[in-house]
Amino acid sequence: MRQPLEIIDDDDAQTTAEYALVILGAAAVAGALIAWAGGTDVIKSFFNKIFQQLMGALG
């Protein structure tokens, strides 16, 4: 069985918390980007441009 001081010195919990904070930060950035893009026609024009290029390449 591990001693209480060994558990406190364990870096696994800190690493897990750091990963969780990075994931939360990435989710916040993604949410802001989606909110911004949803209020504009950026996504629609992006996919339209890709579709037009594909259709032009296929001839």
PDB file of N, CA and C in Angstrom:
ATOM      1  N   MET A   1       0.842  -1.183   0.000  1.00  0.00           N
ATOM      2  CA  MET A   1       0.000   0.000   0.000  1.00  0.00           C
ATOM      3  C   MET A   1       0.887   1.246   0.000  1.00  0.00           C
ATOM      4  N   ARG A   2       0.483   2.257  -0.706  1.00  0.00           N
ATOM      5  CA  ARG A   2       1.279   3.477  -0.805  1.00  0.00           C
ATOM      6  C   ARG A   2       1.067   4.357   0.415  1.00  0.00           C
ATOM      7  N   GLN A   3       2.113   5.040   0.786  1.00  0.00           N
ATOM      8  CA  GLN A   3       2.055   5.959   1.910  1.00  0.00           C
ATOM      9  C   GLN A   3       1.389   7.268   1.472  1.00  0.00           C
ATOM     10  N   PRO A   4       0.752   8.005   2.396  1.00  0.00           N
ATOM     11  CA  PRO A   4       0.079   9.258   2.032  1.00  0.00           C
ATOM     12  C   PRO A   4       1.005  10.275   1.354  1.00  0.00           C
ATOM     13  N   LEU A   5       2.257  10.368   1.772  1.00  0.00           N
ATOM     14  CA  LEU A   5       3.167  11.336   1.161  1.00  0.00           C
ATOM     15  C   LEU A   5       3.514  10.951  -0.270  1.00  0.00           C
ATOM     16  N   GLU A   6       3.538   9.666  -0.565  1.00  0.00           N
ATOM     17  CA  GLU A   6       3.790   9.222  -1.937  1.00  0.00           C
ATOM     18  C   GLU A   6       2.643   9.641  -2.849  1.00  0.00           C
ATOM     19  N   ILE A   7       1.444   9.593  -2.347  1.00  0.00           N
ATOM     20  CA  ILE A   7       0.282   9.984  -3.148  1.00  0.00           C
ATOM     21  C   ILE A   7       0.325  11.481  -3.438  1.00  0.00           C
ATOM     22  N   ILE A   8       0.696  12.286  -2.451  1.00  0.00           N
ATOM     23  CA  ILE A   8       0.766  13.737  -2.634  1.00  0.00           C
ATOM     24  C   ILE A   8       1.841  14.100  -3.647  1.00  0.00           C
ATOM     25  N   ASP A   9       2.965  13.405  -3.647  1.00  0.00           N
ATOM     26  CA  ASP A   9       4.059  13.700  -4.565  1.00  0.00           C
ATOM     27  C   ASP A   9       3.828  13.137  -5.962  1.00  0.00           C
ATOM     28  N   ASP A  10       2.770  12.402  -6.144  1.00  0.00           N
ATOM     29  CA  ASP A  10       2.498  11.765  -7.423  1.00  0.00           C
ATOM     30  C   ASP A  10       2.150  12.822  -8.470  1.00  0.00           C
ATOM     31  N   ASP A  11       2.845  12.803  -9.610  1.00  0.00           N
ATOM     32  CA  ASP A  11       2.633  13.792 -10.669  1.00  0.00           C
ATOM     33  C   ASP A  11       1.518  13.411 -11.633  1.00  0.00           C
ATOM     34  N   ASP A  12       0.968  12.210 -11.497  1.00  0.00           N
ATOM     35  CA  ASP A  12      -0.083  11.779 -12.421  1.00  0.00           C
ATOM     36  C   ASP A  12      -1.309  12.683 -12.344  1.00  0.00           C
ATOM     37  N   ALA A  13      -1.706  13.069 -11.145  1.00  0.00           N
ATOM     38  CA  ALA A  13      -2.890  13.912 -10.983  1.00  0.00           C
ATOM     39  C   ALA A  13      -2.657  15.290 -11.594  1.00  0.00           C
ATOM     40  N   GLN A  14      -1.456  15.820 -11.432  1.00  0.00           N
ATOM     41  CA  GLN A  14      -1.154  17.129 -12.005  1.00  0.00           C
ATOM     42  C   GLN A  14      -1.171  17.063 -13.528  1.00  0.00           C
ATOM     43  N   THR A  15      -0.618  16.008 -14.086  1.00  0.00           N
ATOM     44  CA  THR A  15      -0.610  15.847 -15.545  1.00  0.00           C
ATOM     45  C   THR A  15      -2.030  15.735 -16.073  1.00  0.00           C
ATOM     46  N   THR A  16      -2.875  14.991 -15.380  1.00  0.00           N
ATOM     47  CA  THR A  16      -4.268  14.851 -15.790  1.00  0.00           C
ATOM     48  C   THR A  16      -4.976  16.197 -15.758  1.00  0.00           C
ATOM     49  N   ALA A  17      -4.742  16.971 -14.718  1.00  0.00           N
ATOM     50  CA  ALA A  17      -5.363  18.294 -14.605  1.00  0.00           C
ATOM     51  C   ALA A  17      -4.871  19.219 -15.710  1.00  0.00           C
ATOM     52  N   GLU A  18      -3.600  19.144 -16.049  1.00  0.00           N
ATOM     53  CA  GLU A  18      -3.067  19.989 -17.118  1.00  0.00           C
ATOM     54  C   GLU A  18      -3.693  19.624 -18.461  1.00  0.00           C
ATOM     55  N   TYR A  19      -3.835  18.337 -18.741  1.00  0.00           N
ATOM     56  CA  TYR A  19      -4.491  17.908 -19.977  1.00  0.00           C
ATOM     57  C   TYR A  19      -5.945  18.393 -20.002  1.00  0.00           C
ATOM     58  N   ALA A  20      -6.620  18.313 -18.882  1.00  0.00           N
ATOM     59  CA  ALA A  20      -8.012  18.762 -18.820  1.00  0.00           C
ATOM     60  C   ALA A  20      -8.106  20.255 -19.114  1.00  0.00           C
ATOM     61  N   LEU A  21      -7.185  21.053 -18.591  1.00  0.00           N
ATOM     62  CA  LEU A  21      -7.197  22.494 -18.851  1.00  0.00           C
ATOM     63  C   LEU A  21      -6.916  22.798 -20.317  1.00  0.00           C
ATOM     64  N   VAL A  22      -6.007  22.052 -20.924  1.00  0.00           N
ATOM     65  CA  VAL A  22      -5.713  22.255 -22.349  1.00  0.00           C
ATOM     66  C   VAL A  22      -6.941  21.916 -23.189  1.00  0.00           C
ATOM     67  N   ILE A  23      -7.626  20.821 -22.851  1.00  0.00           N
ATOM     68  CA  ILE A  23      -8.822  20.430 -23.591  1.00  0.00           C
ATOM     69  C   ILE A  23      -9.923  21.474 -23.426  1.00  0.00           C
ATOM     70  N   LEU A  24     -10.100  21.997 -22.213  1.00  0.00           N
ATOM     71  CA  LEU A  24     -11.102  23.035 -21.998  1.00  0.00           C
ATOM     72  C   LEU A  24     -10.771  24.296 -22.786  1.00  0.00           C
ATOM     73  N   GLY A  25      -9.493  24.663 -22.844  1.00  0.00           N
ATOM     74  CA  GLY A  25      -9.077  25.826 -23.627  1.00  0.00           C
ATOM     75  C   GLY A  25      -9.349  25.629 -25.109  1.00  0.00           C
ATOM     76  N   ALA A  26      -9.032  24.442 -25.614  1.00  0.00           N
ATOM     77  CA  ALA A  26      -9.278  24.146 -27.029  1.00  0.00           C
ATOM     78  C   ALA A  26     -10.771  24.161 -27.330  1.00  0.00           C
ATOM     79  N   ALA A  27     -11.575  23.646 -26.416  1.00  0.00           N
ATOM     80  CA  ALA A  27     -13.029  23.653 -26.615  1.00  0.00           C
ATOM     81  C   ALA A  27     -13.566  25.085 -26.617  1.00  0.00           C
ATOM     82  N   ALA A  28     -13.014  25.944 -25.781  1.00  0.00           N
ATOM     83  CA  ALA A  28     -13.449  27.343 -25.753  1.00  0.00           C
ATOM     84  C   ALA A  28     -13.115  28.043 -27.062  1.00  0.00           C
ATOM     85  N   VAL A  29     -11.919  27.813 -27.585  1.00  0.00           N
ATOM     86  CA  VAL A  29     -11.525  28.411 -28.857  1.00  0.00           C
ATOM     87  C   VAL A  29     -12.410  27.882 -29.980  1.00  0.00           C
ATOM     88  N   ALA A  30     -12.659  26.581 -29.992  1.00  0.00           N
ATOM     89  CA  ALA A  30     -13.516  25.987 -31.025  1.00  0.00           C
ATOM     90  C   ALA A  30     -14.935  26.539 -30.926  1.00  0.00           C
ATOM     91  N   GLY A  31     -15.440  26.688 -29.725  1.00  0.00           N
ATOM     92  CA  GLY A  31     -16.784  27.247 -29.550  1.00  0.00           C
ATOM     93  C   GLY A  31     -16.871  28.685 -30.040  1.00  0.00           C
ATOM     94  N   ALA A  32     -15.850  29.476 -29.753  1.00  0.00           N
ATOM     95  CA  ALA A  32     -15.834  30.860 -30.234  1.00  0.00           C
ATOM     96  C   ALA A  32     -15.768  30.908 -31.758  1.00  0.00           C
ATOM     97  N   LEU A  33     -14.972  30.033 -32.346  1.00  0.00           N
ATOM     98  CA  LEU A  33     -14.857  29.983 -33.796  1.00  0.00           C
ATOM     99  C   LEU A  33     -16.177  29.567 -34.445  1.00  0.00           C
ATOM    100  N   ILE A  34     -16.836  28.583 -33.869  1.00  0.00           N
ATOM    101  CA  ILE A  34     -18.123  28.136 -34.396  1.00  0.00           C
ATOM    102  C   ILE A  34     -19.174  29.235 -34.261  1.00  0.00           C
ATOM    103  N   ALA A  35     -19.179  29.925 -33.125  1.00  0.00           N
ATOM    104  CA  ALA A  35     -20.133  31.018 -32.938  1.00  0.00           C
ATOM    105  C   ALA A  35     -19.896  32.133 -33.945  1.00  0.00           C
ATOM    106  N   TRP A  36     -18.643  32.459 -34.187  1.00  0.00           N
ATOM    107  CA  TRP A  36     -18.320  33.501 -35.162  1.00  0.00           C
ATOM    108  C   TRP A  36     -18.704  33.065 -36.573  1.00  0.00           C
ATOM    109  N   ALA A  37     -18.330  31.848 -36.936  1.00  0.00           N
ATOM    110  CA  ALA A  37     -18.617  31.356 -38.282  1.00  0.00           C
ATOM    111  C   ALA A  37     -20.107  31.152 -38.494  1.00  0.00           C
ATOM    112  N   GLY A  38     -20.834  30.813 -37.443  1.00  0.00           N
ATOM    113  CA  GLY A  38     -22.279  30.628 -37.563  1.00  0.00           C
ATOM    114  C   GLY A  38     -23.011  31.922 -37.828  1.00  0.00           C
ATOM    115  N   GLY A  39     -22.437  33.039 -37.410  1.00  0.00           N
ATOM    116  CA  GLY A  39     -23.059  34.336 -37.627  1.00  0.00           C
ATOM    117  C   GLY A  39     -22.725  34.933 -38.975  1.00  0.00           C
ATOM    118  N   THR A  40     -21.853  34.294 -39.722  1.00  0.00           N
ATOM    119  CA  THR A  40     -21.468  34.794 -41.038  1.00  0.00           C
ATOM    120  C   THR A  40     -21.689  33.694 -42.069  1.00  0.00           C
ATOM    121  N   ASP A  41     -21.419  34.005 -43.310  1.00  0.00           N
ATOM    122  CA  ASP A  41     -21.536  33.013 -44.379  1.00  0.00           C
ATOM    123  C   ASP A  41     -20.192  32.396 -44.724  1.00  0.00           C
ATOM    124  N   VAL A  42     -19.267  32.407 -43.786  1.00  0.00           N
ATOM    125  CA  VAL A  42     -17.920  31.915 -44.046  1.00  0.00           C
ATOM    126  C   VAL A  42     -17.922  30.440 -44.409  1.00  0.00           C
ATOM    127  N   ILE A  43     -18.614  29.634 -43.631  1.00  0.00           N
ATOM    128  CA  ILE A  43     -18.611  28.191 -43.864  1.00  0.00           C
ATOM    129  C   ILE A  43     -19.301  27.860 -45.181  1.00  0.00           C
ATOM    130  N   LYS A  44     -20.443  28.496 -45.423  1.00  0.00           N
ATOM    131  CA  LYS A  44     -21.175  28.240 -46.660  1.00  0.00           C
ATOM    132  C   LYS A  44     -20.331  28.624 -47.880  1.00  0.00           C
ATOM    133  N   SER A  45     -19.700  29.794 -47.838  1.00  0.00           N
ATOM    134  CA  SER A  45     -18.883  30.210 -48.983  1.00  0.00           C
ATOM    135  C   SER A  45     -17.646  29.335 -49.133  1.00  0.00           C
ATOM    136  N   PHE A  46     -17.097  28.862 -48.019  1.00  0.00           N
ATOM    137  CA  PHE A  46     -15.935  27.975 -48.060  1.00  0.00           C
ATOM    138  C   PHE A  46     -16.278  26.679 -48.799  1.00  0.00           C
ATOM    139  N   PHE A  47     -17.402  26.053 -48.421  1.00  0.00           N
ATOM    140  CA  PHE A  47     -17.786  24.802 -49.067  1.00  0.00           C
ATOM    141  C   PHE A  47     -18.238  25.025 -50.511  1.00  0.00           C
ATOM    142  N   ASN A  48     -18.874  26.149 -50.777  1.00  0.00           N
ATOM    143  CA  ASN A  48     -19.246  26.457 -52.159  1.00  0.00           C
ATOM    144  C   ASN A  48     -18.006  26.602 -53.036  1.00  0.00           C
ATOM    145  N   LYS A  49     -16.983  27.250 -52.508  1.00  0.00           N
ATOM    146  CA  LYS A  49     -15.749  27.438 -53.267  1.00  0.00           C
ATOM    147  C   LYS A  49     -15.077  26.090 -53.549  1.00  0.00           C
ATOM    148  N   ILE A  50     -15.054  25.222 -52.551  1.00  0.00           N
ATOM    149  CA  ILE A  50     -14.462  23.887 -52.732  1.00  0.00           C
ATOM    150  C   ILE A  50     -15.252  23.097 -53.769  1.00  0.00           C
ATOM    151  N   PHE A  51     -16.584  23.146 -53.670  1.00  0.00           N
ATOM    152  CA  PHE A  51     -17.432  22.415 -54.609  1.00  0.00           C
ATOM    153  C   PHE A  51     -17.222  22.928 -56.035  1.00  0.00           C
ATOM    154  N   GLN A  52     -17.143  24.238 -56.195  1.00  0.00           N
ATOM    155  CA  GLN A  52     -16.927  24.813 -57.526  1.00  0.00           C
ATOM    156  C   GLN A  52     -15.576  24.389 -58.095  1.00  0.00           C
ATOM    157  N   GLN A  53     -14.552  24.355 -57.262  1.00  0.00           N
ATOM    158  CA  GLN A  53     -13.234  23.925 -57.740  1.00  0.00           C
ATOM    159  C   GLN A  53     -13.242  22.451 -58.122  1.00  0.00           C
ATOM    160  N   LEU A  54     -13.920  21.625 -57.352  1.00  0.00           N
ATOM    161  CA  LEU A  54     -14.021  20.208 -57.684  1.00  0.00           C
ATOM    162  C   LEU A  54     -14.760  20.003 -59.000  1.00  0.00           C
ATOM    163  N   MET A  55     -15.859  20.732 -59.172  1.00  0.00           N
ATOM    164  CA  MET A  55     -16.634  20.606 -60.394  1.00  0.00           C
ATOM    165  C   MET A  55     -15.831  21.115 -61.596  1.00  0.00           C
ATOM    166  N   GLY A  56     -15.056  22.165 -61.394  1.00  0.00           N
ATOM    167  CA  GLY A  56     -14.205  22.685 -62.473  1.00  0.00           C
ATOM    168  C   GLY A  56     -13.107  21.714 -62.824  1.00  0.00           C
ATOM    169  N   ALA A  57     -12.571  21.016 -61.837  1.00  0.00           N
ATOM    170  CA  ALA A  57     -11.493  20.054 -62.100  1.00  0.00           C
ATOM    171  C   ALA A  57     -12.033  18.802 -62.812  1.00  0.00           C
ATOM    172  N   LEU A  58     -13.250  18.437 -62.480  1.00  0.00           N
ATOM    173  CA  LEU A  58     -13.840  17.261 -63.108  1.00  0.00           C
ATOM    174  C   LEU A  58     -14.364  17.565 -64.500  1.00  0.00           C
ATOM    175  N   GLY A  59     -14.578  18.836 -64.766  1.00  0.00           N
ATOM    176  CA  GLY A  59     -14.849  19.296 -66.095  1.00  0.00           C
ATOM    177  C   GLY A  59     -16.182  19.221 -66.632  1.00  0.00           C
TER     178      GLY A  59
END
